[in-house]
Amino acid sequence: MIKVGEPRALGRPAAEARLRFGTELHELSGGPRRRLLMVDDEPAFELSFYCGTCPLPFRRLETAQQKLSLESM
């Protein structure tokens, strides 16, 4: 059996988090959105649309200016 309980949040509150996932419009005409990994509210990596058959690739963006480590987080 699976135990069911109340939902709980993991990690830091959103206002304190340095990393988050977000989206932005790819085109002004309202085309498909880009999925992004944001570092300090700046786009750092673009995520592919995951279909379930391929690995989830990340593409580093030019705006990614920092390196992060677990120790610094």
Protein backbone atom coordinates (compact mmCIF):
# COMPACT_ATOMS: atom_id res chain seq x y z
CA MET A 1 0.00 0.00 0.00
CA ILE A 2 1.04 3.58 -0.58
CA LYS A 3 0.71 5.99 2.33
CA VAL A 4 -1.10 9.20 1.41
CA GLY A 5 -0.54 12.42 3.30
CA GLU A 6 -0.74 16.17 3.01
CA PRO A 7 1.40 17.79 0.28
CA ARG A 8 4.61 19.39 1.50
CA ALA A 9 7.03 21.80 -0.12
CA LEU A 10 10.69 20.91 -0.51
CA GLY A 11 13.62 23.30 -0.74
CA ARG A 12 13.68 27.03 -0.16
CA PRO A 13 10.78 29.46 -0.54
CA ALA A 14 10.48 30.70 -4.11
CA ALA A 15 11.62 34.22 -3.16
CA GLU A 16 14.96 32.84 -1.87
CA ALA A 17 15.66 30.26 -4.60
CA ARG A 18 18.52 30.96 -7.01
CA LEU A 19 17.42 28.23 -9.44
CA ARG A 20 13.95 27.88 -10.90
CA PHE A 21 12.22 26.62 -14.01
CA GLY A 22 10.38 29.09 -16.20
CA THR A 23 9.01 29.74 -19.67
CA GLU A 24 9.12 32.64 -22.08
CA LEU A 25 7.54 33.32 -25.44
CA HIS A 26 9.67 32.08 -28.32
CA GLU A 27 8.09 34.55 -30.73
CA LEU A 28 6.12 37.76 -30.33
CA SER A 29 3.25 36.17 -32.27
CA GLY A 30 2.52 33.89 -29.34
CA GLY A 31 4.30 30.85 -30.74
CA PRO A 32 5.53 27.95 -28.64
CA ARG A 33 7.16 28.78 -25.34
CA ARG A 34 10.76 28.02 -24.47
CA ARG A 35 11.30 26.04 -21.27
CA LEU A 36 14.19 27.47 -19.27
CA LEU A 37 16.30 26.84 -16.22
CA MET A 38 16.81 30.28 -14.65
CA VAL A 39 19.72 31.31 -12.40
CA ASP A 40 19.02 34.47 -10.40
CA ASP A 41 16.09 35.22 -12.77
CA GLU A 42 18.35 35.10 -15.87
CA PRO A 43 17.89 32.36 -18.50
CA ALA A 44 20.83 29.93 -18.22
CA PHE A 45 19.72 26.72 -19.97
CA GLU A 46 17.04 25.89 -22.52
CA LEU A 47 15.28 22.56 -21.95
CA SER A 48 13.96 20.42 -24.76
CA PHE A 49 10.36 19.27 -24.79
CA TYR A 50 10.47 15.84 -23.23
CA CYS A 51 8.57 13.11 -25.07
CA GLY A 52 9.49 10.18 -22.82
CA THR A 53 11.64 8.32 -25.35
CA CYS A 54 14.76 10.52 -25.38
CA PRO A 55 16.96 11.95 -22.61
CA LEU A 56 16.15 15.46 -21.47
CA PRO A 57 18.86 17.64 -23.07
CA PHE A 58 19.90 21.03 -21.75
CA ARG A 59 21.43 23.69 -24.00
CA ARG A 60 23.54 26.34 -22.24
CA LEU A 61 22.55 29.87 -23.23
CA GLU A 62 24.89 32.82 -23.74
CA THR A 63 23.30 34.55 -20.76
CA ALA A 64 24.66 31.84 -18.42
CA GLN A 65 27.49 33.79 -16.80
CA GLN A 66 27.93 31.89 -13.53
CA LYS A 67 28.97 28.48 -12.31
CA LEU A 68 27.15 27.07 -9.31
CA SER A 69 28.17 24.27 -6.97
CA LEU A 70 26.29 22.53 -4.20
CA GLU A 71 28.74 23.96 -1.68
CA SER A 72 27.99 27.55 -2.75
CA MET A 73 24.25 27.01 -2.69
